[in-house]
Amino acid sequence: MVDVDSKTLFNAAAAALTTVAVLVFVFNVDLGYSPVSAVAVVVAFLAGVVAVTQRTDDRQLTFLGYGVVVVSTVGVFVDVVNTLDLGSAVTVVGLLGIAAALFGLRARLDDANRLISERTATYLFGALTAAAVVILVVDVVTGGLAYELHPQNRIEIDGDSREHAVAATVTVTNPTPLPERVDTPRYEACAAGDWSDYRRPAEPDRTDRPPVRANLNVGDGYNDHVLGFSSRTYPVYVFLHAVNVTGERFPVERTSACPDDDTGQPYVAIYEGGDQRRPYPA
């Protein structure tokens, strides 16, 4: 039976809770800024853990602190790979690189299981903390992404596939030096003008034919990012819940809201549906 004293229990519990907290922060907490800022915060925190391990005489605490740093570092790396969609090859190479670095660091351990001196660990923690603060300030001060909607003059409906009806494009510009996640505004569309010739037949238990509805979809993908000082353009697809529209051409207009008019030439109105952003799953 293993003899576990109170000191071991508290050290292990603290290390486990710290590791869980770091991983939850990495994978589930969205600061609303660049992923570089989140990584900088985690790296600065882990540097603090390293500083503690190099200043203590408790070999057990040093051992558990190293475990926190190693597991958290792997978690940060996996999150960066997934965030930037770097692929499996980069994941494998990166994990092998981390393993090689661990073997190299093992050779540097002294008799007290320390990698660097107390002074060097303190300076490292201070430098990385200062760097994290600078990155956060730059991220906040320079602002976020800018979105500009460019409607087409008209659309031509090709069957029922929304991919063949590009109603507009969205240009996303990143004025900051850091990569930022694309989170386009909730653009909406409606059928304005007289669409009576394109309404679907009435339901068996109803007399009124349903109005024509228009849905928009921005083709920016999930968790896409724009690098610093660059821009990307995404198509905006429209889908009409209507009949007899195949091969038809309809004008597209940018409006501030859905127009009330139901007379005249039918057209598709595109507008921004308030400040609410599209939801992203956690």
C-alpha atoms as a PDB file:
ATOM      1  CA  MET A   1       0.000   0.000   0.000  1.00  0.00           C
ATOM      2  CA  VAL A   2       1.343   3.405  -0.956  1.00  0.00           C
ATOM      3  CA  ASP A   3       1.914   5.771   1.933  1.00  0.00           C
ATOM      4  CA  VAL A   4       0.499   9.159   0.928  1.00  0.00           C
ATOM      5  CA  ASP A   5       0.860  11.925   3.474  1.00  0.00           C
ATOM      6  CA  SER A   6      -1.030  15.211   3.609  1.00  0.00           C
ATOM      7  CA  LYS A   7       1.793  17.109   1.939  1.00  0.00           C
ATOM      8  CA  THR A   8       1.760  14.796  -1.071  1.00  0.00           C
ATOM      9  CA  LEU A   9      -2.014  14.987  -1.299  1.00  0.00           C
ATOM     10  CA  PHE A  10      -2.083  18.786  -1.275  1.00  0.00           C
ATOM     11  CA  ASN A  11       0.783  19.055  -3.778  1.00  0.00           C
ATOM     12  CA  ALA A  12      -0.857  16.598  -6.175  1.00  0.00           C
ATOM     13  CA  ALA A  13      -4.274  18.231  -5.840  1.00  0.00           C
ATOM     14  CA  ALA A  14      -2.817  21.694  -6.494  1.00  0.00           C
ATOM     15  CA  ALA A  15      -0.952  20.439  -9.557  1.00  0.00           C
ATOM     16  CA  ALA A  16      -4.042  18.674 -10.938  1.00  0.00           C
ATOM     17  CA  LEU A  17      -6.315  21.679 -10.399  1.00  0.00           C
ATOM     18  CA  THR A  18      -3.764  24.017 -11.961  1.00  0.00           C
ATOM     19  CA  THR A  19      -3.457  21.803 -15.027  1.00  0.00           C
ATOM     20  CA  VAL A  20      -7.238  21.551 -15.416  1.00  0.00           C
ATOM     21  CA  ALA A  21      -7.606  25.317 -15.051  1.00  0.00           C
ATOM     22  CA  VAL A  22      -5.005  25.981 -17.746  1.00  0.00           C
ATOM     23  CA  LEU A  23      -6.578  23.485 -20.156  1.00  0.00           C
ATOM     24  CA  VAL A  24     -10.077  24.888 -19.586  1.00  0.00           C
ATOM     25  CA  PHE A  25      -8.744  28.381 -20.254  1.00  0.00           C
ATOM     26  CA  VAL A  26      -6.965  27.242 -23.421  1.00  0.00           C
ATOM     27  CA  PHE A  27      -9.836  25.284 -24.952  1.00  0.00           C
ATOM     28  CA  ASN A  28     -12.994  26.946 -23.609  1.00  0.00           C
ATOM     29  CA  VAL A  29     -12.312  30.577 -22.696  1.00  0.00           C
ATOM     30  CA  ASP A  30     -12.677  33.161 -25.464  1.00  0.00           C
ATOM     31  CA  LEU A  31     -11.108  36.505 -24.549  1.00  0.00           C
ATOM     32  CA  GLY A  32     -12.572  38.128 -27.635  1.00  0.00           C
ATOM     33  CA  TYR A  33      -9.116  39.036 -28.886  1.00  0.00           C
ATOM     34  CA  SER A  34      -6.354  37.407 -30.921  1.00  0.00           C
ATOM     35  CA  PRO A  35      -5.412  33.806 -30.041  1.00  0.00           C
ATOM     36  CA  VAL A  36      -1.845  35.091 -29.707  1.00  0.00           C
ATOM     37  CA  SER A  37      -2.950  37.075 -26.647  1.00  0.00           C
ATOM     38  CA  ALA A  38      -4.403  33.965 -25.001  1.00  0.00           C
ATOM     39  CA  VAL A  39      -1.231  31.982 -25.716  1.00  0.00           C
ATOM     40  CA  ALA A  40       0.916  34.805 -24.304  1.00  0.00           C
ATOM     41  CA  VAL A  41      -1.106  34.817 -21.077  1.00  0.00           C
ATOM     42  CA  VAL A  42      -0.737  31.044 -20.676  1.00  0.00           C
ATOM     43  CA  VAL A  43       2.999  31.117 -21.434  1.00  0.00           C
ATOM     44  CA  ALA A  44       3.529  33.857 -18.847  1.00  0.00           C
ATOM     45  CA  PHE A  45       1.588  31.837 -16.263  1.00  0.00           C
ATOM     46  CA  LEU A  46       3.602  28.689 -17.016  1.00  0.00           C
ATOM     47  CA  ALA A  47       6.791  30.723 -16.661  1.00  0.00           C
ATOM     48  CA  GLY A  48       5.568  31.584 -13.168  1.00  0.00           C
ATOM     49  CA  VAL A  49       5.107  27.872 -12.436  1.00  0.00           C
ATOM     50  CA  VAL A  50       8.644  27.226 -13.648  1.00  0.00           C
ATOM     51  CA  ALA A  51       9.942  30.004 -11.408  1.00  0.00           C
ATOM     52  CA  VAL A  52       8.270  28.357  -8.406  1.00  0.00           C
ATOM     53  CA  THR A  53       9.785  24.963  -9.242  1.00  0.00           C
ATOM     54  CA  GLN A  54      13.288  26.441  -9.466  1.00  0.00           C
ATOM     55  CA  ARG A  55      13.019  28.314  -6.147  1.00  0.00           C
ATOM     56  CA  THR A  56      11.694  25.516  -3.937  1.00  0.00           C
ATOM     57  CA  ASP A  57      13.668  22.830  -2.124  1.00  0.00           C
ATOM     58  CA  ASP A  58      10.690  20.459  -2.268  1.00  0.00           C
ATOM     59  CA  ARG A  59      11.626  17.894  -4.925  1.00  0.00           C
ATOM     60  CA  GLN A  60       8.059  16.615  -5.045  1.00  0.00           C
ATOM     61  CA  LEU A  61       6.682  20.088  -5.754  1.00  0.00           C
ATOM     62  CA  THR A  62       9.299  20.553  -8.451  1.00  0.00           C
ATOM     63  CA  PHE A  63       8.303  17.242 -10.049  1.00  0.00           C
ATOM     64  CA  LEU A  64       4.601  18.080 -10.034  1.00  0.00           C
ATOM     65  CA  GLY A  65       5.284  21.598 -11.341  1.00  0.00           C
ATOM     66  CA  TYR A  66       7.104  20.130 -14.303  1.00  0.00           C
ATOM     67  CA  GLY A  67       4.059  17.950 -14.953  1.00  0.00           C
ATOM     68  CA  VAL A  68       1.813  21.016 -15.033  1.00  0.00           C
ATOM     69  CA  VAL A  69       4.098  22.746 -17.513  1.00  0.00           C
ATOM     70  CA  VAL A  70       4.476  19.722 -19.823  1.00  0.00           C
ATOM     71  CA  VAL A  71       0.761  18.862 -20.006  1.00  0.00           C
ATOM     72  CA  SER A  72      -0.232  22.506 -20.410  1.00  0.00           C
ATOM     73  CA  THR A  73       2.359  23.057 -23.150  1.00  0.00           C
ATOM     74  CA  VAL A  74       0.983  20.123 -25.133  1.00  0.00           C
ATOM     75  CA  GLY A  75      -2.532  21.499 -24.676  1.00  0.00           C
ATOM     76  CA  VAL A  76      -1.496  24.955 -25.925  1.00  0.00           C
ATOM     77  CA  PHE A  77       0.209  23.416 -28.946  1.00  0.00           C
ATOM     78  CA  VAL A  78      -2.843  21.314 -29.860  1.00  0.00           C
ATOM     79  CA  ASP A  79      -5.101  24.355 -29.509  1.00  0.00           C
ATOM     80  CA  VAL A  80      -2.857  26.465 -31.768  1.00  0.00           C
ATOM     81  CA  VAL A  81      -2.788  23.709 -34.402  1.00  0.00           C
ATOM     82  CA  ASN A  82      -6.582  23.414 -34.351  1.00  0.00           C
ATOM     83  CA  THR A  83      -7.141  27.172 -34.292  1.00  0.00           C
ATOM     84  CA  LEU A  84      -4.932  27.841 -37.295  1.00  0.00           C
ATOM     85  CA  ASP A  85      -5.923  24.555 -39.011  1.00  0.00           C
ATOM     86  CA  LEU A  86      -2.295  23.533 -39.527  1.00  0.00           C
ATOM     87  CA  GLY A  87      -3.079  19.880 -40.218  1.00  0.00           C
ATOM     88  CA  SER A  88      -1.968  16.478 -38.970  1.00  0.00           C
ATOM     89  CA  ALA A  89       1.572  16.690 -40.359  1.00  0.00           C
ATOM     90  CA  VAL A  90       2.340  19.805 -38.306  1.00  0.00           C
ATOM     91  CA  THR A  91       0.767  18.156 -35.257  1.00  0.00           C
ATOM     92  CA  VAL A  92       3.010  15.109 -35.526  1.00  0.00           C
ATOM     93  CA  VAL A  93       6.163  17.148 -36.156  1.00  0.00           C
ATOM     94  CA  GLY A  94       5.334  19.523 -33.319  1.00  0.00           C
ATOM     95  CA  LEU A  95       4.688  16.756 -30.800  1.00  0.00           C
ATOM     96  CA  LEU A  96       7.944  15.055 -31.778  1.00  0.00           C
ATOM     97  CA  GLY A  97       9.700  18.399 -31.351  1.00  0.00           C
ATOM     98  CA  ILE A  98       8.244  18.763 -27.840  1.00  0.00           C
ATOM     99  CA  ALA A  99       9.395  15.227 -27.017  1.00  0.00           C
ATOM    100  CA  ALA A 100      12.916  15.992 -28.274  1.00  0.00           C
ATOM    101  CA  ALA A 101      12.966  19.193 -26.207  1.00  0.00           C
ATOM    102  CA  LEU A 102      11.987  17.229 -23.094  1.00  0.00           C
ATOM    103  CA  PHE A 103      14.824  14.761 -23.626  1.00  0.00           C
ATOM    104  CA  GLY A 104      17.215  17.665 -24.061  1.00  0.00           C
ATOM    105  CA  LEU A 105      15.977  19.400 -20.902  1.00  0.00           C
ATOM    106  CA  ARG A 106      16.325  16.177 -18.929  1.00  0.00           C
ATOM    107  CA  ALA A 107      20.048  16.244 -19.541  1.00  0.00           C
ATOM    108  CA  ARG A 108      20.220  19.709 -17.943  1.00  0.00           C
ATOM    109  CA  LEU A 109      18.724  18.659 -14.603  1.00  0.00           C
ATOM    110  CA  ASP A 110      21.068  19.077 -11.633  1.00  0.00           C
ATOM    111  CA  ASP A 111      21.050  17.106  -8.410  1.00  0.00           C
ATOM    112  CA  ALA A 112      18.093  19.145  -7.120  1.00  0.00           C
ATOM    113  CA  ASN A 113      16.103  18.560 -10.342  1.00  0.00           C
ATOM    114  CA  ARG A 114      16.497  22.201 -11.355  1.00  0.00           C
ATOM    115  CA  LEU A 115      16.900  23.308 -14.964  1.00  0.00           C
ATOM    116  CA  ILE A 116      18.025  26.885 -14.439  1.00  0.00           C
ATOM    117  CA  SER A 117      19.050  29.090 -11.560  1.00  0.00           C
ATOM    118  CA  GLU A 118      16.526  30.897  -9.371  1.00  0.00           C
ATOM    119  CA  ARG A 119      17.633  34.260 -10.743  1.00  0.00           C
ATOM    120  CA  THR A 120      17.284  33.149 -14.366  1.00  0.00           C
ATOM    121  CA  ALA A 121      13.817  31.681 -13.691  1.00  0.00           C
ATOM    122  CA  THR A 122      12.712  34.942 -12.078  1.00  0.00           C
ATOM    123  CA  TYR A 123      14.029  37.018 -14.975  1.00  0.00           C
ATOM    124  CA  LEU A 124      12.343  34.671 -17.457  1.00  0.00           C
ATOM    125  CA  PHE A 125       9.019  35.016 -15.676  1.00  0.00           C
ATOM    126  CA  GLY A 126       9.320  38.794 -15.602  1.00  0.00           C
ATOM    127  CA  ALA A 127      10.260  39.030 -19.280  1.00  0.00           C
ATOM    128  CA  LEU A 128       7.419  36.774 -20.457  1.00  0.00           C
ATOM    129  CA  THR A 129       4.905  38.563 -18.264  1.00  0.00           C
ATOM    130  CA  ALA A 130       5.980  41.920 -19.684  1.00  0.00           C
ATOM    131  CA  ALA A 131       5.722  40.501 -23.205  1.00  0.00           C
ATOM    132  CA  ALA A 132       2.204  39.205 -22.492  1.00  0.00           C
ATOM    133  CA  VAL A 133       1.137  42.624 -21.208  1.00  0.00           C
ATOM    134  CA  VAL A 134       2.541  44.327 -24.319  1.00  0.00           C
ATOM    135  CA  ILE A 135       0.755  41.867 -26.620  1.00  0.00           C
ATOM    136  CA  LEU A 136      -2.537  42.377 -24.790  1.00  0.00           C
ATOM    137  CA  VAL A 137      -2.217  46.163 -24.932  1.00  0.00           C
ATOM    138  CA  VAL A 138      -1.414  46.082 -28.651  1.00  0.00           C
ATOM    139  CA  ASP A 139      -4.335  43.730 -29.258  1.00  0.00           C
ATOM    140  CA  VAL A 140      -6.799  45.938 -27.382  1.00  0.00           C
ATOM    141  CA  VAL A 141      -5.561  49.288 -28.691  1.00  0.00           C
ATOM    142  CA  THR A 142      -5.378  48.343 -32.370  1.00  0.00           C
ATOM    143  CA  GLY A 143      -9.008  47.164 -32.403  1.00  0.00           C
ATOM    144  CA  GLY A 144     -10.593  44.191 -34.115  1.00  0.00           C
ATOM    145  CA  LEU A 145     -11.486  43.180 -37.632  1.00  0.00           C
ATOM    146  CA  ALA A 146     -13.320  45.463 -40.058  1.00  0.00           C
ATOM    147  CA  TYR A 147     -16.129  44.032 -42.220  1.00  0.00           C
ATOM    148  CA  GLU A 148     -17.341  45.519 -45.494  1.00  0.00           C
ATOM    149  CA  LEU A 149     -20.288  44.122 -47.443  1.00  0.00           C
ATOM    150  CA  HIS A 150     -20.230  44.437 -51.261  1.00  0.00           C
ATOM    151  CA  PRO A 151     -23.585  43.447 -52.854  1.00  0.00           C
ATOM    152  CA  GLN A 152     -23.771  42.184 -56.427  1.00  0.00           C
ATOM    153  CA  ASN A 153     -25.811  44.154 -58.951  1.00  0.00           C
ATOM    154  CA  ARG A 154     -28.080  41.173 -59.535  1.00  0.00           C
ATOM    155  CA  ILE A 155     -28.229  37.413 -59.024  1.00  0.00           C
ATOM    156  CA  GLU A 156     -29.193  34.590 -61.342  1.00  0.00           C
ATOM    157  CA  ILE A 157     -30.844  31.598 -59.704  1.00  0.00           C
ATOM    158  CA  ASP A 158     -29.468  28.274 -60.869  1.00  0.00           C
ATOM    159  CA  GLY A 159     -31.754  25.563 -59.537  1.00  0.00           C
ATOM    160  CA  ASP A 160     -32.142  25.314 -55.761  1.00  0.00           C
ATOM    161  CA  SER A 161     -28.408  25.384 -54.912  1.00  0.00           C
ATOM    162  CA  ARG A 162     -27.435  28.391 -52.832  1.00  0.00           C
ATOM    163  CA  GLU A 163     -23.818  27.965 -53.917  1.00  0.00           C
ATOM    164  CA  HIS A 164     -24.742  29.217 -57.386  1.00  0.00           C
ATOM    165  CA  ALA A 165     -26.404  32.396 -56.140  1.00  0.00           C
ATOM    166  CA  VAL A 166     -23.713  34.709 -54.807  1.00  0.00           C
ATOM    167  CA  ALA A 167     -25.543  37.841 -53.679  1.00  0.00           C
ATOM    168  CA  ALA A 168     -22.550  39.684 -52.214  1.00  0.00           C
ATOM    169  CA  THR A 169     -19.044  39.411 -50.868  1.00  0.00           C
ATOM    170  CA  VAL A 170     -17.677  40.338 -47.446  1.00  0.00           C
ATOM    171  CA  THR A 171     -14.157  41.739 -47.197  1.00  0.00           C
ATOM    172  CA  VAL A 172     -12.584  41.207 -43.778  1.00  0.00           C
ATOM    173  CA  THR A 173      -9.614  43.450 -43.021  1.00  0.00           C
ATOM    174  CA  ASN A 174      -7.262  42.996 -40.084  1.00  0.00           C
ATOM    175  CA  PRO A 175      -5.560  46.299 -39.117  1.00  0.00           C
ATOM    176  CA  THR A 176      -3.703  44.674 -36.205  1.00  0.00           C
ATOM    177  CA  PRO A 177      -0.336  42.849 -36.263  1.00  0.00           C
ATOM    178  CA  LEU A 178      -1.943  39.776 -34.681  1.00  0.00           C
ATOM    179  CA  PRO A 179      -4.163  37.111 -36.274  1.00  0.00           C
ATOM    180  CA  GLU A 180      -7.854  37.555 -35.440  1.00  0.00           C
ATOM    181  CA  ARG A 181     -10.817  35.179 -35.685  1.00  0.00           C
ATOM    182  CA  VAL A 182     -13.445  35.965 -38.295  1.00  0.00           C
ATOM    183  CA  ASP A 183     -16.835  36.639 -36.708  1.00  0.00           C
ATOM    184  CA  THR A 184     -18.937  38.246 -39.413  1.00  0.00           C
ATOM    185  CA  PRO A 185     -22.032  40.296 -38.537  1.00  0.00           C
ATOM    186  CA  ARG A 186     -25.405  38.638 -38.912  1.00  0.00           C
ATOM    187  CA  TYR A 187     -26.327  39.709 -42.422  1.00  0.00           C
ATOM    188  CA  GLU A 188     -29.903  39.062 -43.463  1.00  0.00           C
ATOM    189  CA  ALA A 189     -31.937  39.240 -46.654  1.00  0.00           C
ATOM    190  CA  CYS A 190     -35.569  39.564 -47.584  1.00  0.00           C
ATOM    191  CA  ALA A 191     -37.618  39.489 -50.759  1.00  0.00           C
ATOM    192  CA  ALA A 192     -38.821  43.034 -51.510  1.00  0.00           C
ATOM    193  CA  GLY A 193     -41.163  44.180 -54.266  1.00  0.00           C
ATOM    194  CA  ASP A 194     -43.860  42.095 -55.917  1.00  0.00           C
ATOM    195  CA  TRP A 195     -42.986  38.378 -55.775  1.00  0.00           C
ATOM    196  CA  SER A 196     -46.535  37.100 -56.396  1.00  0.00           C
ATOM    197  CA  ASP A 197     -45.463  35.140 -59.490  1.00  0.00           C
ATOM    198  CA  TYR A 198     -42.880  33.233 -57.455  1.00  0.00           C
ATOM    199  CA  ARG A 199     -44.858  32.278 -54.356  1.00  0.00           C
ATOM    200  CA  ARG A 200     -45.231  28.615 -53.469  1.00  0.00           C
ATOM    201  CA  PRO A 201     -48.714  27.055 -53.652  1.00  0.00           C
ATOM    202  CA  ALA A 202     -50.892  27.330 -50.556  1.00  0.00           C
ATOM    203  CA  GLU A 203     -50.986  24.471 -48.060  1.00  0.00           C
ATOM    204  CA  PRO A 204     -54.036  22.180 -48.287  1.00  0.00           C
ATOM    205  CA  ASP A 205     -55.579  23.640 -45.110  1.00  0.00           C
ATOM    206  CA  ARG A 206     -54.776  27.285 -45.977  1.00  0.00           C
ATOM    207  CA  THR A 207     -55.943  29.724 -48.635  1.00  0.00           C
ATOM    208  CA  ASP A 208     -53.051  32.190 -48.629  1.00  0.00           C
ATOM    209  CA  ARG A 209     -49.887  31.407 -50.535  1.00  0.00           C
ATOM    210  CA  PRO A 210     -46.771  31.766 -48.337  1.00  0.00           C
ATOM    211  CA  PRO A 211     -44.561  34.787 -49.027  1.00  0.00           C
ATOM    212  CA  VAL A 212     -41.181  34.396 -50.677  1.00  0.00           C
ATOM    213  CA  ARG A 213     -38.370  34.260 -48.104  1.00  0.00           C
ATOM    214  CA  ALA A 214     -34.657  34.808 -48.623  1.00  0.00           C
ATOM    215  CA  ASN A 215     -31.865  33.335 -46.489  1.00  0.00           C
ATOM    216  CA  LEU A 216     -28.209  34.370 -46.474  1.00  0.00           C
ATOM    217  CA  ASN A 217     -25.137  32.324 -45.671  1.00  0.00           C
ATOM    218  CA  VAL A 218     -21.594  33.751 -45.415  1.00  0.00           C
ATOM    219  CA  GLY A 219     -19.085  31.197 -46.687  1.00  0.00           C
ATOM    220  CA  ASP A 220     -16.330  31.986 -44.197  1.00  0.00           C
ATOM    221  CA  GLY A 221     -16.177  28.564 -42.573  1.00  0.00           C
ATOM    222  CA  TYR A 222     -15.901  27.885 -38.850  1.00  0.00           C
ATOM    223  CA  ASN A 223     -13.063  29.290 -36.732  1.00  0.00           C
ATOM    224  CA  ASP A 224     -11.370  30.981 -39.672  1.00  0.00           C
ATOM    225  CA  HIS A 225      -8.674  33.597 -39.006  1.00  0.00           C
ATOM    226  CA  VAL A 226      -7.189  36.583 -40.819  1.00  0.00           C
ATOM    227  CA  LEU A 227      -3.466  37.186 -40.352  1.00  0.00           C
ATOM    228  CA  GLY A 228      -2.105  40.528 -39.228  1.00  0.00           C
ATOM    229  CA  PHE A 229      -2.224  43.447 -41.677  1.00  0.00           C
ATOM    230  CA  SER A 230      -4.042  41.380 -44.288  1.00  0.00           C
ATOM    231  CA  SER A 231      -7.559  40.818 -45.584  1.00  0.00           C
ATOM    232  CA  ARG A 232      -9.751  38.034 -46.916  1.00  0.00           C
ATOM    233  CA  THR A 233     -12.912  38.045 -49.015  1.00  0.00           C
ATOM    234  CA  TYR A 234     -15.789  35.622 -48.536  1.00  0.00           C
ATOM    235  CA  PRO A 235     -18.846  34.973 -50.721  1.00  0.00           C
ATOM    236  CA  VAL A 236     -22.345  35.572 -49.407  1.00  0.00           C
ATOM    237  CA  TYR A 237     -24.863  33.049 -50.752  1.00  0.00           C
ATOM    238  CA  VAL A 238     -28.612  33.614 -50.989  1.00  0.00           C
ATOM    239  CA  PHE A 239     -31.327  30.983 -51.068  1.00  0.00           C
ATOM    240  CA  LEU A 240     -34.888  31.853 -52.115  1.00  0.00           C
ATOM    241  CA  HIS A 241     -37.863  29.895 -50.809  1.00  0.00           C
ATOM    242  CA  ALA A 242     -39.796  30.351 -54.035  1.00  0.00           C
ATOM    243  CA  VAL A 243     -40.917  28.615 -57.226  1.00  0.00           C
ATOM    244  CA  ASN A 244     -40.334  29.306 -60.912  1.00  0.00           C
ATOM    245  CA  VAL A 245     -37.067  31.152 -60.200  1.00  0.00           C
ATOM    246  CA  THR A 246     -34.663  28.895 -62.103  1.00  0.00           C
ATOM    247  CA  GLY A 247     -32.848  30.981 -64.693  1.00  0.00           C
ATOM    248  CA  GLU A 248     -34.391  34.226 -63.420  1.00  0.00           C
ATOM    249  CA  ARG A 249     -32.297  37.310 -62.615  1.00  0.00           C
ATOM    250  CA  PHE A 250     -33.129  39.552 -59.671  1.00  0.00           C
ATOM    251  CA  PRO A 251     -31.567  42.875 -58.612  1.00  0.00           C
ATOM    252  CA  VAL A 252     -29.752  43.063 -55.269  1.00  0.00           C
ATOM    253  CA  GLU A 253     -29.845  46.182 -53.098  1.00  0.00           C
ATOM    254  CA  ARG A 254     -28.133  47.087 -49.820  1.00  0.00           C
ATOM    255  CA  THR A 255     -30.658  48.504 -47.342  1.00  0.00           C
ATOM    256  CA  SER A 256     -30.705  49.446 -43.673  1.00  0.00           C
ATOM    257  CA  ALA A 257     -33.605  47.079 -42.950  1.00  0.00           C
ATOM    258  CA  CYS A 258     -36.132  44.918 -44.769  1.00  0.00           C
ATOM    259  CA  PRO A 259     -38.255  47.234 -46.984  1.00  0.00           C
ATOM    260  CA  ASP A 260     -42.021  47.271 -46.494  1.00  0.00           C
ATOM    261  CA  ASP A 261     -42.889  47.727 -50.167  1.00  0.00           C
ATOM    262  CA  ASP A 262     -44.560  44.794 -51.920  1.00  0.00           C
ATOM    263  CA  THR A 263     -45.083  46.435 -55.290  1.00  0.00           C
ATOM    264  CA  GLY A 264     -42.898  46.969 -58.286  1.00  0.00           C
ATOM    265  CA  GLN A 265     -40.011  44.899 -59.571  1.00  0.00           C
ATOM    266  CA  PRO A 266     -39.003  42.062 -57.242  1.00  0.00           C
ATOM    267  CA  TYR A 267     -35.528  42.369 -55.752  1.00  0.00           C
ATOM    268  CA  VAL A 268     -33.408  40.977 -52.914  1.00  0.00           C
ATOM    269  CA  ALA A 269     -32.645  43.398 -50.072  1.00  0.00           C
ATOM    270  CA  ILE A 270     -29.528  42.733 -47.981  1.00  0.00           C
ATOM    271  CA  TYR A 271     -28.973  44.385 -44.628  1.00  0.00           C
ATOM    272  CA  GLU A 272     -27.201  43.905 -41.323  1.00  0.00           C
ATOM    273  CA  GLY A 273     -29.442  42.412 -38.672  1.00  0.00           C
ATOM    274  CA  GLY A 274     -28.224  44.424 -35.679  1.00  0.00           C
ATOM    275  CA  ASP A 275     -25.024  43.950 -33.672  1.00  0.00           C
ATOM    276  CA  GLN A 276     -25.625  40.307 -32.884  1.00  0.00           C
ATOM    277  CA  ARG A 277     -22.963  37.980 -34.239  1.00  0.00           C
ATOM    278  CA  ARG A 278     -23.468  34.498 -35.544  1.00  0.00           C
ATOM    279  CA  PRO A 279     -23.193  31.899 -32.758  1.00  0.00           C
ATOM    280  CA  TYR A 280     -20.177  29.611 -32.595  1.00  0.00           C
ATOM    281  CA  PRO A 281     -20.418  26.296 -30.773  1.00  0.00           C
ATOM    282  CA  ALA A 282     -18.145  25.929 -27.772  1.00  0.00           C
END
